Amino acid sequence: MNKNNLMQSIHSAQIKNLVTKFYYRDNHLCFQILLHCEGDQTVAYQEFLDYSEYKSAYNKLLDAKSANEYILLPESKPVSTHVNFV
């Protein structure tokens, strides 16, 4: 099997919270969905420049969490994100 075809997944039961990080990059408002998981691990899910795309993805994640489903993690470039949860 081709390694490029493998996608990581996470069971929604492992997700404590969905967090949105808002920030500006090159004068554009960006939205990043972070999954705060068990063991205080934070996984960067996906970044968006378009609010409607972000909101659609966020709502799909909420639905998957409510339905106790697996969530496929999209392949993306590594993002430097430092988030502290207290």
Protein backbone atom coordinates (compact mmCIF):
# COMPACT_ATOMS: atom_id res chain seq x y z
CA MET A 1 0.00 0.00 0.00
CA ASN A 2 1.25 3.47 -0.88
CA LYS A 3 2.18 5.48 2.20
CA ASN A 4 0.65 8.60 0.61
CA ASN A 5 -2.77 6.94 0.67
CA LEU A 6 -2.71 6.39 4.43
CA MET A 7 -4.69 8.83 6.51
CA GLN A 8 -4.65 9.07 10.25
CA SER A 9 -7.90 8.93 12.14
CA ILE A 10 -9.01 9.61 15.67
CA HIS A 11 -12.11 8.37 17.45
CA SER A 12 -14.35 11.22 18.48
CA ALA A 13 -14.60 9.80 22.01
CA GLN A 14 -10.94 10.80 22.44
CA ILE A 15 -11.73 14.46 21.71
CA LYS A 16 -12.43 16.61 24.75
CA ASN A 17 -12.97 19.91 22.93
CA LEU A 18 -12.97 21.50 19.51
CA VAL A 19 -11.04 24.76 19.60
CA THR A 20 -10.84 27.47 16.96
CA LYS A 21 -7.77 29.63 16.67
CA PHE A 22 -8.36 32.95 14.84
CA TYR A 23 -5.34 34.82 13.51
CA TYR A 24 -4.14 37.01 10.66
CA ARG A 25 -1.66 35.88 8.02
CA ASP A 26 -0.66 38.40 5.35
CA ASN A 27 -3.66 40.59 6.24
CA HIS A 28 -6.09 37.66 5.81
CA LEU A 29 -8.17 36.33 8.67
CA CYS A 30 -7.47 32.61 9.12
CA PHE A 31 -9.35 29.96 11.07
CA GLN A 32 -7.66 26.85 12.43
CA ILE A 33 -9.53 23.98 14.04
CA LEU A 34 -7.65 22.28 16.86
CA LEU A 35 -8.72 19.02 18.50
CA HIS A 36 -7.98 18.97 22.23
CA CYS A 37 -7.72 15.27 23.03
CA GLU A 38 -7.25 13.03 26.03
CA GLY A 39 -3.83 13.25 27.62
CA ASP A 40 -3.70 17.01 26.97
CA GLN A 41 -2.66 16.41 23.37
CA THR A 42 -3.68 19.04 20.81
CA VAL A 43 -3.95 18.09 17.15
CA ALA A 44 -4.10 20.72 14.42
CA TYR A 45 -7.02 19.56 12.27
CA GLN A 46 -7.17 22.05 9.41
CA GLU A 47 -6.71 25.73 8.51
CA PHE A 48 -9.17 27.83 6.51
CA LEU A 49 -9.20 31.22 4.85
CA ASP A 50 -12.91 31.02 4.05
CA TYR A 51 -15.32 31.30 6.98
CA SER A 52 -18.07 29.22 5.37
CA GLU A 53 -15.65 26.35 4.68
CA TYR A 54 -14.39 26.56 8.26
CA LYS A 55 -17.92 26.59 9.69
CA SER A 56 -18.98 23.63 7.54
CA ALA A 57 -15.97 21.56 8.65
CA TYR A 58 -16.51 22.58 12.29
CA ASN A 59 -20.17 21.51 12.17
CA LYS A 60 -19.22 18.17 10.57
CA LEU A 61 -16.76 17.57 13.41
CA LEU A 62 -19.45 18.39 15.97
CA ASP A 63 -21.82 15.94 14.26
CA ALA A 64 -19.14 13.22 14.17
CA LYS A 65 -18.40 13.80 17.86
CA SER A 66 -22.09 13.52 18.74
CA ALA A 67 -22.42 10.35 16.65
CA ASN A 68 -19.31 8.80 18.27
CA GLU A 69 -17.61 8.31 14.88
CA TYR A 70 -14.02 8.17 13.67
CA ILE A 71 -12.64 11.40 12.24
CA LEU A 72 -10.13 11.34 9.39
CA LEU A 73 -7.33 13.83 9.87
CA PRO A 74 -6.57 15.65 6.62
CA GLU A 75 -3.00 15.65 5.42
CA SER A 76 -1.58 19.11 5.78
CA LYS A 77 1.65 20.97 6.11
CA PRO A 78 3.02 21.04 9.64
CA VAL A 79 1.78 24.10 11.50
CA SER A 80 3.62 25.70 14.36
CA THR A 81 0.95 25.90 17.05
CA HIS A 82 1.46 26.29 20.74
CA VAL A 83 -1.69 26.05 22.82
CA ASN A 84 -1.85 25.74 26.59
CA PHE A 85 -4.96 24.42 28.27
CA VAL A 86 -5.41 25.08 31.96
